[in-house]
């Protein structure tokens, strides 16, 4: 049970750290504007779903966690 608590705390600290980096440095260049990201804009409605960006982030995080787990 203690290991789960430590893991949750680590995830929270990493989330705060990444949030602070994104706040200080602004948006990551090119993120959210990749081919395949869906953006629909009408008169008083806009819909944005960054599907390609989400897949790319998922692959990167999966690789990082895979290599971290092997360590």
PDB file of N, CA and C in Angstrom:
ATOM      1  N   UNK A   1       0.815  -1.195   0.000  1.00  0.00           N
ATOM      2  CA  UNK A   1       0.000   0.000   0.000  1.00  0.00           C
ATOM      3  C   UNK A   1       0.865   1.269   0.000  1.00  0.00           C
ATOM      4  N   UNK A   2       1.996   1.196   0.655  1.00  0.00           N
ATOM      5  CA  UNK A   2       2.894   2.354   0.720  1.00  0.00           C
ATOM      6  C   UNK A   2       3.475   2.655  -0.658  1.00  0.00           C
ATOM      7  N   UNK A   3       3.763   1.610  -1.438  1.00  0.00           N
ATOM      8  CA  UNK A   3       4.311   1.816  -2.777  1.00  0.00           C
ATOM      9  C   UNK A   3       3.309   2.520  -3.686  1.00  0.00           C
ATOM     10  N   UNK A   4       2.029   2.192  -3.558  1.00  0.00           N
ATOM     11  CA  UNK A   4       1.000   2.861  -4.360  1.00  0.00           C
ATOM     12  C   UNK A   4       0.935   4.336  -3.989  1.00  0.00           C
ATOM     13  N   UNK A   5       1.012   4.639  -2.708  1.00  0.00           N
ATOM     14  CA  UNK A   5       0.977   6.036  -2.264  1.00  0.00           C
ATOM     15  C   UNK A   5       2.169   6.812  -2.806  1.00  0.00           C
ATOM     16  N   UNK A   6       3.343   6.197  -2.760  1.00  0.00           N
ATOM     17  CA  UNK A   6       4.538   6.864  -3.286  1.00  0.00           C
ATOM     18  C   UNK A   6       4.416   7.111  -4.783  1.00  0.00           C
ATOM     19  N   UNK A   7       3.862   6.144  -5.497  1.00  0.00           N
ATOM     20  CA  UNK A   7       3.684   6.297  -6.937  1.00  0.00           C
ATOM     21  C   UNK A   7       2.712   7.423  -7.263  1.00  0.00           C
ATOM     22  N   UNK A   8       1.609   7.496  -6.538  1.00  0.00           N
ATOM     23  CA  UNK A   8       0.623   8.559  -6.761  1.00  0.00           C
ATOM     24  C   UNK A   8       1.230   9.928  -6.448  1.00  0.00           C
ATOM     25  N   UNK A   9       2.011  10.012  -5.390  1.00  0.00           N
ATOM     26  CA  UNK A   9       2.670  11.279  -5.050  1.00  0.00           C
ATOM     27  C   UNK A   9       3.659  11.664  -6.146  1.00  0.00           C
ATOM     28  N   UNK A  10       4.425  10.695  -6.640  1.00  0.00           N
ATOM     29  CA  UNK A  10       5.383  10.973  -7.714  1.00  0.00           C
ATOM     30  C   UNK A  10       4.679  11.459  -8.976  1.00  0.00           C
ATOM     31  N   UNK A  11       3.569  10.827  -9.327  1.00  0.00           N
ATOM     32  CA  UNK A  11       2.801  11.261 -10.501  1.00  0.00           C
ATOM     33  C   UNK A  11       2.294  12.690 -10.302  1.00  0.00           C
ATOM     34  N   UNK A  12       1.830  13.012  -9.108  1.00  0.00           N
ATOM     35  CA  UNK A  12       1.355  14.367  -8.816  1.00  0.00           C
ATOM     36  C   UNK A  12       2.466  15.396  -8.924  1.00  0.00           C
ATOM     37  N   UNK A  13       3.631  15.080  -8.395  1.00  0.00           N
ATOM     38  CA  UNK A  13       4.769  16.000  -8.460  1.00  0.00           C
ATOM     39  C   UNK A  13       5.198  16.200  -9.913  1.00  0.00           C
ATOM     40  N   UNK A  14       5.238  15.109 -10.684  1.00  0.00           N
ATOM     41  CA  UNK A  14       5.605  15.229 -12.095  1.00  0.00           C
ATOM     42  C   UNK A  14       4.579  16.054 -12.871  1.00  0.00           C
ATOM     43  N   UNK A  15       3.301  15.883 -12.555  1.00  0.00           N
ATOM     44  CA  UNK A  15       2.255  16.660 -13.218  1.00  0.00           C
ATOM     45  C   UNK A  15       2.405  18.142 -12.915  1.00  0.00           C
ATOM     46  N   UNK A  16       2.682  18.467 -11.669  1.00  0.00           N
ATOM     47  CA  UNK A  16       2.892  19.872 -11.287  1.00  0.00           C
ATOM     48  C   UNK A  16       4.122  20.429 -12.002  1.00  0.00           C
ATOM     49  N   UNK A  17       5.192  19.643 -12.058  1.00  0.00           N
ATOM     50  CA  UNK A  17       6.425  20.085 -12.711  1.00  0.00           C
ATOM     51  C   UNK A  17       6.197  20.358 -14.196  1.00  0.00           C
ATOM     52  N   UNK A  18       5.539  19.442 -14.882  1.00  0.00           N
ATOM     53  CA  UNK A  18       5.250  19.632 -16.309  1.00  0.00           C
ATOM     54  C   UNK A  18       4.330  20.831 -16.508  1.00  0.00           C
ATOM     55  N   UNK A  19       3.343  21.003 -15.637  1.00  0.00           N
ATOM     56  CA  UNK A  19       2.458  22.160 -15.720  1.00  0.00           C
ATOM     57  C   UNK A  19       3.201  23.470 -15.565  1.00  0.00           C
ATOM     58  N   UNK A  20       4.144  23.511 -14.635  1.00  0.00           N
ATOM     59  CA  UNK A  20       4.938  24.728 -14.440  1.00  0.00           C
ATOM     60  C   UNK A  20       5.811  25.018 -15.658  1.00  0.00           C
ATOM     61  N   UNK A  21       6.387  23.985 -16.244  1.00  0.00           N
ATOM     62  CA  UNK A  21       7.216  24.174 -17.441  1.00  0.00           C
ATOM     63  C   UNK A  21       6.369  24.719 -18.589  1.00  0.00           C
ATOM     64  N   UNK A  22       5.195  24.129 -18.788  1.00  0.00           N
ATOM     65  CA  UNK A  22       4.328  24.608 -19.867  1.00  0.00           C
ATOM     66  C   UNK A  22       3.841  26.027 -19.607  1.00  0.00           C
ATOM     67  N   UNK A  23       3.608  26.372 -18.356  1.00  0.00           N
ATOM     68  CA  UNK A  23       3.168  27.724 -18.020  1.00  0.00           C
ATOM     69  C   UNK A  23       4.277  28.736 -18.291  1.00  0.00           C
ATOM     70  N   UNK A  24       5.503  28.388 -17.932  1.00  0.00           N
ATOM     71  CA  UNK A  24       6.623  29.316 -18.096  1.00  0.00           C
ATOM     72  C   UNK A  24       7.021  29.447 -19.570  1.00  0.00           C
ATOM     73  N   UNK A  25       7.118  28.341 -20.266  1.00  0.00           N
ATOM     74  CA  UNK A  25       7.611  28.370 -21.641  1.00  0.00           C
ATOM     75  C   UNK A  25       6.510  28.467 -22.684  1.00  0.00           C
ATOM     76  N   UNK A  26       5.275  28.452 -22.285  1.00  0.00           N
ATOM     77  CA  UNK A  26       4.175  28.566 -23.245  1.00  0.00           C
ATOM     78  C   UNK A  26       3.899  27.246 -23.921  1.00  0.00           C
ATOM     79  N   UNK A  27       3.227  27.323 -25.030  1.00  0.00           N
ATOM     80  CA  UNK A  27       2.869  26.106 -25.755  1.00  0.00           C
ATOM     81  C   UNK A  27       4.097  25.501 -26.421  1.00  0.00           C
ATOM     82  N   UNK A  28       4.052  24.209 -26.569  1.00  0.00           N
ATOM     83  CA  UNK A  28       5.109  23.504 -27.277  1.00  0.00           C
ATOM     84  C   UNK A  28       4.912  23.780 -28.770  1.00  0.00           C
ATOM     85  N   UNK A  29       5.949  24.233 -29.459  1.00  0.00           N
ATOM     86  CA  UNK A  29       5.790  24.572 -30.880  1.00  0.00           C
ATOM     87  C   UNK A  29       5.329  23.371 -31.702  1.00  0.00           C
ATOM     88  N   UNK A  30       4.307  23.569 -32.495  1.00  0.00           N
ATOM     89  CA  UNK A  30       3.808  22.528 -33.371  1.00  0.00           C
ATOM     90  C   UNK A  30       2.806  21.586 -32.738  1.00  0.00           C
ATOM     91  N   UNK A  31       2.764  21.528 -31.416  1.00  0.00           N
ATOM     92  CA  UNK A  31       1.828  20.629 -30.749  1.00  0.00           C
ATOM     93  C   UNK A  31       0.410  21.156 -30.949  1.00  0.00           C
ATOM     94  N   UNK A  32      -0.483  20.278 -31.308  1.00  0.00           N
ATOM     95  CA  UNK A  32      -1.860  20.668 -31.524  1.00  0.00           C
ATOM     96  C   UNK A  32      -2.141  21.166 -32.926  1.00  0.00           C
ATOM     97  N   UNK A  33      -1.132  21.209 -33.757  1.00  0.00           N
ATOM     98  CA  UNK A  33      -1.318  21.662 -35.136  1.00  0.00           C
ATOM     99  C   UNK A  33      -0.780  20.629 -36.111  1.00  0.00           C
ATOM    100  N   UNK A  34      -0.801  19.383 -35.701  1.00  0.00           N
ATOM    101  CA  UNK A  34      -0.295  18.317 -36.550  1.00  0.00           C
ATOM    102  C   UNK A  34      -1.365  17.878 -37.541  1.00  0.00           C
ATOM    103  N   UNK A  35      -0.952  17.301 -38.664  1.00  0.00           N
ATOM    104  CA  UNK A  35      -1.939  16.752 -39.593  1.00  0.00           C
ATOM    105  C   UNK A  35      -2.732  15.642 -38.895  1.00  0.00           C
ATOM    106  N   UNK A  36      -4.022  15.681 -39.012  1.00  0.00           N
ATOM    107  CA  UNK A  36      -4.863  14.693 -38.351  1.00  0.00           C
ATOM    108  C   UNK A  36      -5.586  15.238 -37.139  1.00  0.00           C
ATOM    109  N   UNK A  37      -5.148  16.380 -36.623  1.00  0.00           N
ATOM    110  CA  UNK A  37      -5.875  17.031 -35.537  1.00  0.00           C
ATOM    111  C   UNK A  37      -7.156  17.624 -36.103  1.00  0.00           C
ATOM    112  N   UNK A  38      -8.245  17.422 -35.402  1.00  0.00           N
ATOM    113  CA  UNK A  38      -9.557  17.830 -35.907  1.00  0.00           C
ATOM    114  C   UNK A  38      -9.923  19.197 -35.334  1.00  0.00           C
ATOM    115  N   UNK A  39     -10.254  20.126 -36.214  1.00  0.00           N
ATOM    116  CA  UNK A  39     -10.695  21.461 -35.797  1.00  0.00           C
ATOM    117  C   UNK A  39     -11.859  21.881 -36.681  1.00  0.00           C
ATOM    118  N   UNK A  40     -13.012  22.096 -36.049  1.00  0.00           N
ATOM    119  CA  UNK A  40     -14.213  22.516 -36.771  1.00  0.00           C
ATOM    120  C   UNK A  40     -14.655  23.850 -36.187  1.00  0.00           C
ATOM    121  N   UNK A  41     -14.823  24.845 -37.041  1.00  0.00           N
ATOM    122  CA  UNK A  41     -15.251  26.160 -36.582  1.00  0.00           C
ATOM    123  C   UNK A  41     -16.440  26.610 -37.404  1.00  0.00           C
ATOM    124  N   UNK A  42     -17.502  26.971 -36.719  1.00  0.00           N
ATOM    125  CA  UNK A  42     -18.688  27.519 -37.372  1.00  0.00           C
ATOM    126  C   UNK A  42     -18.958  28.887 -36.758  1.00  0.00           C
ATOM    127  N   UNK A  43     -20.109  29.460 -37.013  1.00  0.00           N
ATOM    128  CA  UNK A  43     -20.397  30.821 -36.554  1.00  0.00           C
ATOM    129  C   UNK A  43     -20.188  30.991 -35.046  1.00  0.00           C
ATOM    130  N   UNK A  44     -20.907  30.257 -34.247  1.00  0.00           N
ATOM    131  CA  UNK A  44     -20.801  30.425 -32.793  1.00  0.00           C
ATOM    132  C   UNK A  44     -20.421  29.108 -32.115  1.00  0.00           C
ATOM    133  N   UNK A  45     -19.687  28.272 -32.827  1.00  0.00           N
ATOM    134  CA  UNK A  45     -19.310  26.971 -32.300  1.00  0.00           C
ATOM    135  C   UNK A  45     -17.934  26.594 -32.823  1.00  0.00           C
ATOM    136  N   UNK A  46     -17.097  26.089 -31.945  1.00  0.00           N
ATOM    137  CA  UNK A  46     -15.812  25.554 -32.396  1.00  0.00           C
ATOM    138  C   UNK A  46     -15.528  24.266 -31.630  1.00  0.00           C
ATOM    139  N   UNK A  47     -14.978  23.296 -32.330  1.00  0.00           N
ATOM    140  CA  UNK A  47     -14.665  21.997 -31.766  1.00  0.00           C
ATOM    141  C   UNK A  47     -13.236  21.655 -32.148  1.00  0.00           C
ATOM    142  N   UNK A  48     -12.447  21.268 -31.162  1.00  0.00           N
ATOM    143  CA  UNK A  48     -11.047  20.944 -31.397  1.00  0.00           C
ATOM    144  C   UNK A  48     -10.723  19.638 -30.704  1.00  0.00           C
ATOM    145  N   UNK A  49     -10.204  18.670 -31.442  1.00  0.00           N
ATOM    146  CA  UNK A  49      -9.788  17.398 -30.882  1.00  0.00           C
ATOM    147  C   UNK A  49      -8.426  17.034 -31.470  1.00  0.00           C
ATOM    148  N   UNK A  50      -7.363  17.164 -30.674  1.00  0.00           N
ATOM    149  CA  UNK A  50      -6.003  16.901 -31.181  1.00  0.00           C
ATOM    150  C   UNK A  50      -5.674  15.412 -31.165  1.00  0.00           C
ATOM    151  N   UNK A  51      -6.289  14.649 -32.050  1.00  0.00           N
ATOM    152  CA  UNK A  51      -6.123  13.198 -32.031  1.00  0.00           C
ATOM    153  C   UNK A  51      -4.694  12.770 -32.359  1.00  0.00           C
ATOM    154  N   UNK A  52      -4.073  13.376 -33.341  1.00  0.00           N
ATOM    155  CA  UNK A  52      -2.703  13.011 -33.705  1.00  0.00           C
ATOM    156  C   UNK A  52      -1.731  13.399 -32.599  1.00  0.00           C
ATOM    157  N   UNK A  53      -1.924  14.560 -32.015  1.00  0.00           N
ATOM    158  CA  UNK A  53      -1.082  14.987 -30.900  1.00  0.00           C
ATOM    159  C   UNK A  53      -1.252  14.038 -29.719  1.00  0.00           C
ATOM    160  N   UNK A  54      -2.473  13.610 -29.449  1.00  0.00           N
ATOM    161  CA  UNK A  54      -2.729  12.684 -28.344  1.00  0.00           C
ATOM    162  C   UNK A  54      -2.032  11.347 -28.573  1.00  0.00           C
ATOM    163  N   UNK A  55      -2.072  10.848 -29.791  1.00  0.00           N
ATOM    164  CA  UNK A  55      -1.409   9.584 -30.108  1.00  0.00           C
ATOM    165  C   UNK A  55       0.097   9.724 -29.957  1.00  0.00           C
ATOM    166  N   UNK A  56       0.655  10.823 -30.422  1.00  0.00           N
ATOM    167  CA  UNK A  56       2.090  11.057 -30.309  1.00  0.00           C
ATOM    168  C   UNK A  56       2.527  11.137 -28.852  1.00  0.00           C
ATOM    169  N   UNK A  57       1.793  11.861 -28.025  1.00  0.00           N
ATOM    170  CA  UNK A  57       2.108  11.966 -26.600  1.00  0.00           C
ATOM    171  C   UNK A  57       1.993  10.593 -25.931  1.00  0.00           C
ATOM    172  N   UNK A  58       0.986   9.825 -26.312  1.00  0.00           N
ATOM    173  CA  UNK A  58       0.808   8.488 -25.758  1.00  0.00           C
ATOM    174  C   UNK A  58       1.985   7.586 -26.092  1.00  0.00           C
ATOM    175  N   UNK A  59       2.462   7.627 -27.323  1.00  0.00           N
ATOM    176  CA  UNK A  59       3.606   6.808 -27.720  1.00  0.00           C
ATOM    177  C   UNK A  59       4.853   7.213 -26.950  1.00  0.00           C
ATOM    178  N   UNK A  60       5.091   8.512 -26.825  1.00  0.00           N
ATOM    179  CA  UNK A  60       6.272   8.997 -26.104  1.00  0.00           C
ATOM    180  C   UNK A  60       6.214   8.586 -24.638  1.00  0.00           C
ATOM    181  N   UNK A  61       5.065   8.777 -23.994  1.00  0.00           N
ATOM    182  CA  UNK A  61       4.939   8.390 -22.590  1.00  0.00           C
ATOM    183  C   UNK A  61       5.059   6.882 -22.411  1.00  0.00           C
ATOM    184  N   UNK A  62       4.507   6.108 -23.327  1.00  0.00           N
ATOM    185  CA  UNK A  62       4.618   4.655 -23.246  1.00  0.00           C
ATOM    186  C   UNK A  62       6.074   4.207 -23.333  1.00  0.00           C
ATOM    187  N   UNK A  63       6.816   4.806 -24.250  1.00  0.00           N
ATOM    188  CA  UNK A  63       8.236   4.464 -24.362  1.00  0.00           C
ATOM    189  C   UNK A  63       9.017   4.860 -23.120  1.00  0.00           C
ATOM    190  N   UNK A  64       8.745   6.061 -22.601  1.00  0.00           N
ATOM    191  CA  UNK A  64       9.438   6.501 -21.383  1.00  0.00           C
ATOM    192  C   UNK A  64       9.147   5.576 -20.206  1.00  0.00           C
ATOM    193  N   UNK A  65       7.884   5.215 -20.020  1.00  0.00           N
ATOM    194  CA  UNK A  65       7.524   4.335 -18.918  1.00  0.00           C
ATOM    195  C   UNK A  65       8.064   2.923 -19.126  1.00  0.00           C
ATOM    196  N   UNK A  66       8.135   2.467 -20.375  1.00  0.00           N
ATOM    197  CA  UNK A  66       8.701   1.154 -20.665  1.00  0.00           C
ATOM    198  C   UNK A  66      10.174   1.103 -20.257  1.00  0.00           C
ATOM    199  N   UNK A  67      10.940   2.113 -20.682  1.00  0.00           N
ATOM    200  CA  UNK A  67      12.358   2.116 -20.358  1.00  0.00           C
ATOM    201  C   UNK A  67      12.611   2.379 -18.873  1.00  0.00           C
ATOM    202  N   UNK A  68      11.737   3.167 -18.255  1.00  0.00           N
ATOM    203  CA  UNK A  68      11.853   3.422 -16.818  1.00  0.00           C
ATOM    204  C   UNK A  68      11.550   2.153 -16.038  1.00  0.00           C
ATOM    205  N   UNK A  69      10.599   1.352 -16.501  1.00  0.00           N
ATOM    206  CA  UNK A  69      10.250   0.104 -15.843  1.00  0.00           C
ATOM    207  C   UNK A  69      11.333  -0.957 -15.960  1.00  0.00           C
ATOM    208  N   UNK A  70      12.094  -0.929 -17.046  1.00  0.00           N
ATOM    209  CA  UNK A  70      13.179  -1.888 -17.229  1.00  0.00           C
ATOM    210  C   UNK A  70      14.372  -1.549 -16.353  1.00  0.00           C
ATOM    211  N   UNK A  71      14.456  -0.321 -15.903  1.00  0.00           N
ATOM    212  CA  UNK A  71      15.570   0.136 -15.076  1.00  0.00           C
ATOM    213  C   UNK A  71      15.441  -0.362 -13.721  1.00  0.00           C
TER     214      UNK A  71
END
